[in-house]
Amino acid sequence: MTQLAKAFKGRAGLNGQLLAVISARIGRLLILTRGASAVCIFNYRSRLQLKMLDDEALKDIGISRADALAEAGKPCWKSSRS
């Protein structure tokens, strides 16, 4: 339970309970969002680096320029496997 939820829980009545529940749910949502944001940032940076590789480096890892550009063009929230 977040500190905000604890503070609201101490208030008397239905309003305090409702605020405590809402605050706890917002806290959980923020935790989930933070994880998704980290994945999105990682994907964006990885794809940017892939796009910047020269043809020789791409050949070394077995990826064509077309494949690298296709991967780099994906939005950050898309998995590399889709």
C-alpha atoms as a PDB file:
ATOM      1  CA  MET A   1       0.000   0.000   0.000  1.00  0.00           C
ATOM      2  CA  THR A   2       1.373   3.410  -0.915  1.00  0.00           C
ATOM      3  CA  GLN A   3       1.950   6.156   1.631  1.00  0.00           C
ATOM      4  CA  LEU A   4      -0.877   8.130   0.089  1.00  0.00           C
ATOM      5  CA  ALA A   5      -3.227   5.150   0.421  1.00  0.00           C
ATOM      6  CA  LYS A   6      -2.215   4.731   4.077  1.00  0.00           C
ATOM      7  CA  ALA A   7      -2.937   8.390   4.740  1.00  0.00           C
ATOM      8  CA  PHE A   8      -6.386   8.145   3.172  1.00  0.00           C
ATOM      9  CA  LYS A   9      -7.182   4.869   4.916  1.00  0.00           C
ATOM     10  CA  GLY A  10      -6.906   6.603   8.274  1.00  0.00           C
ATOM     11  CA  ARG A  11      -9.716   8.998   7.404  1.00  0.00           C
ATOM     12  CA  ALA A  12     -13.139   8.108   8.644  1.00  0.00           C
ATOM     13  CA  GLY A  13     -15.970   7.184   6.348  1.00  0.00           C
ATOM     14  CA  LEU A  14     -16.522   5.924   2.876  1.00  0.00           C
ATOM     15  CA  ASN A  15     -14.610   8.754   1.219  1.00  0.00           C
ATOM     16  CA  GLY A  16     -11.399   7.836   3.010  1.00  0.00           C
ATOM     17  CA  GLN A  17     -11.752   4.173   2.049  1.00  0.00           C
ATOM     18  CA  LEU A  18     -12.522   5.047  -1.556  1.00  0.00           C
ATOM     19  CA  LEU A  19      -9.516   7.367  -1.776  1.00  0.00           C
ATOM     20  CA  ALA A  20      -7.304   4.656  -0.264  1.00  0.00           C
ATOM     21  CA  VAL A  21      -8.432   2.119  -2.884  1.00  0.00           C
ATOM     22  CA  ILE A  22      -7.989   4.581  -5.748  1.00  0.00           C
ATOM     23  CA  SER A  23      -4.550   5.593  -4.493  1.00  0.00           C
ATOM     24  CA  ALA A  24      -3.431   1.957  -4.186  1.00  0.00           C
ATOM     25  CA  ARG A  25      -4.588   1.207  -7.732  1.00  0.00           C
ATOM     26  CA  ILE A  26      -2.821   4.259  -9.121  1.00  0.00           C
ATOM     27  CA  GLY A  27       0.360   3.160  -7.341  1.00  0.00           C
ATOM     28  CA  ARG A  28       0.202  -0.300  -8.934  1.00  0.00           C
ATOM     29  CA  LEU A  29      -0.481   1.242 -12.348  1.00  0.00           C
ATOM     30  CA  LEU A  30       2.558   3.492 -12.033  1.00  0.00           C
ATOM     31  CA  ILE A  31       4.756   0.512 -11.188  1.00  0.00           C
ATOM     32  CA  LEU A  32       3.508  -1.366 -14.263  1.00  0.00           C
ATOM     33  CA  THR A  33       3.934   1.699 -16.460  1.00  0.00           C
ATOM     34  CA  ARG A  34       7.505   2.190 -15.285  1.00  0.00           C
ATOM     35  CA  GLY A  35       8.393  -1.346 -16.388  1.00  0.00           C
ATOM     36  CA  ALA A  36       6.756  -0.905 -19.782  1.00  0.00           C
ATOM     37  CA  SER A  37       8.557   2.407 -20.268  1.00  0.00           C
ATOM     38  CA  ALA A  38      11.913   0.781 -19.555  1.00  0.00           C
ATOM     39  CA  VAL A  39      11.238  -1.897 -22.183  1.00  0.00           C
ATOM     40  CA  CYS A  40      10.184   0.730 -24.702  1.00  0.00           C
ATOM     41  CA  ILE A  41      13.335   2.789 -24.095  1.00  0.00           C
ATOM     42  CA  PHE A  42      15.516  -0.334 -24.407  1.00  0.00           C
ATOM     43  CA  ASN A  43      13.847  -1.315 -27.701  1.00  0.00           C
ATOM     44  CA  TYR A  44      14.167   2.219 -29.088  1.00  0.00           C
ATOM     45  CA  ARG A  45      17.877   2.460 -28.264  1.00  0.00           C
ATOM     46  CA  SER A  46      18.659  -1.038 -29.532  1.00  0.00           C
ATOM     47  CA  ARG A  47      16.904  -0.380 -32.830  1.00  0.00           C
ATOM     48  CA  LEU A  48      18.637   2.959 -33.222  1.00  0.00           C
ATOM     49  CA  GLN A  49      22.017   1.260 -32.748  1.00  0.00           C
ATOM     50  CA  LEU A  50      21.065  -1.482 -35.215  1.00  0.00           C
ATOM     51  CA  LYS A  51      20.095   1.160 -37.773  1.00  0.00           C
ATOM     52  CA  MET A  52      23.464   2.884 -37.354  1.00  0.00           C
ATOM     53  CA  LEU A  53      25.569  -0.237 -38.019  1.00  0.00           C
ATOM     54  CA  ASP A  54      27.485  -0.316 -41.274  1.00  0.00           C
ATOM     55  CA  ASP A  55      27.065  -3.098 -43.824  1.00  0.00           C
ATOM     56  CA  GLU A  56      30.171  -4.946 -42.626  1.00  0.00           C
ATOM     57  CA  ALA A  57      28.918  -5.069 -39.018  1.00  0.00           C
ATOM     58  CA  LEU A  58      25.489  -6.224 -40.185  1.00  0.00           C
ATOM     59  CA  LYS A  59      27.152  -8.963 -42.243  1.00  0.00           C
ATOM     60  CA  ASP A  60      29.098 -10.072 -39.153  1.00  0.00           C
ATOM     61  CA  ILE A  61      25.874 -10.644 -37.211  1.00  0.00           C
ATOM     62  CA  GLY A  62      24.055 -12.156 -40.176  1.00  0.00           C
ATOM     63  CA  ILE A  63      21.460  -9.442 -40.770  1.00  0.00           C
ATOM     64  CA  SER A  64      20.772  -7.744 -44.077  1.00  0.00           C
ATOM     65  CA  ARG A  65      20.386  -3.976 -44.373  1.00  0.00           C
ATOM     66  CA  ALA A  66      16.708  -4.482 -45.274  1.00  0.00           C
ATOM     67  CA  ASP A  67      16.126  -6.582 -42.130  1.00  0.00           C
ATOM     68  CA  ALA A  68      17.914  -4.002 -39.976  1.00  0.00           C
ATOM     69  CA  LEU A  69      15.819  -1.154 -41.395  1.00  0.00           C
ATOM     70  CA  ALA A  70      12.615  -3.167 -40.985  1.00  0.00           C
ATOM     71  CA  GLU A  71      13.462  -3.829 -37.330  1.00  0.00           C
ATOM     72  CA  ALA A  72      14.493  -0.202 -36.746  1.00  0.00           C
ATOM     73  CA  GLY A  73      11.197   0.981 -38.202  1.00  0.00           C
ATOM     74  CA  LYS A  74       9.090  -0.859 -35.614  1.00  0.00           C
ATOM     75  CA  PRO A  75       7.510   1.166 -32.807  1.00  0.00           C
ATOM     76  CA  CYS A  76       9.217   0.772 -29.429  1.00  0.00           C
ATOM     77  CA  TRP A  77       6.329  -1.153 -27.888  1.00  0.00           C
ATOM     78  CA  LYS A  78       6.487  -3.924 -30.514  1.00  0.00           C
ATOM     79  CA  SER A  79       8.457  -7.034 -29.691  1.00  0.00           C
ATOM     80  CA  SER A  80      11.398  -7.972 -31.907  1.00  0.00           C
ATOM     81  CA  ARG A  81       9.660 -11.269 -32.648  1.00  0.00           C
ATOM     82  CA  SER A  82       6.522  -9.755 -34.159  1.00  0.00           C
END
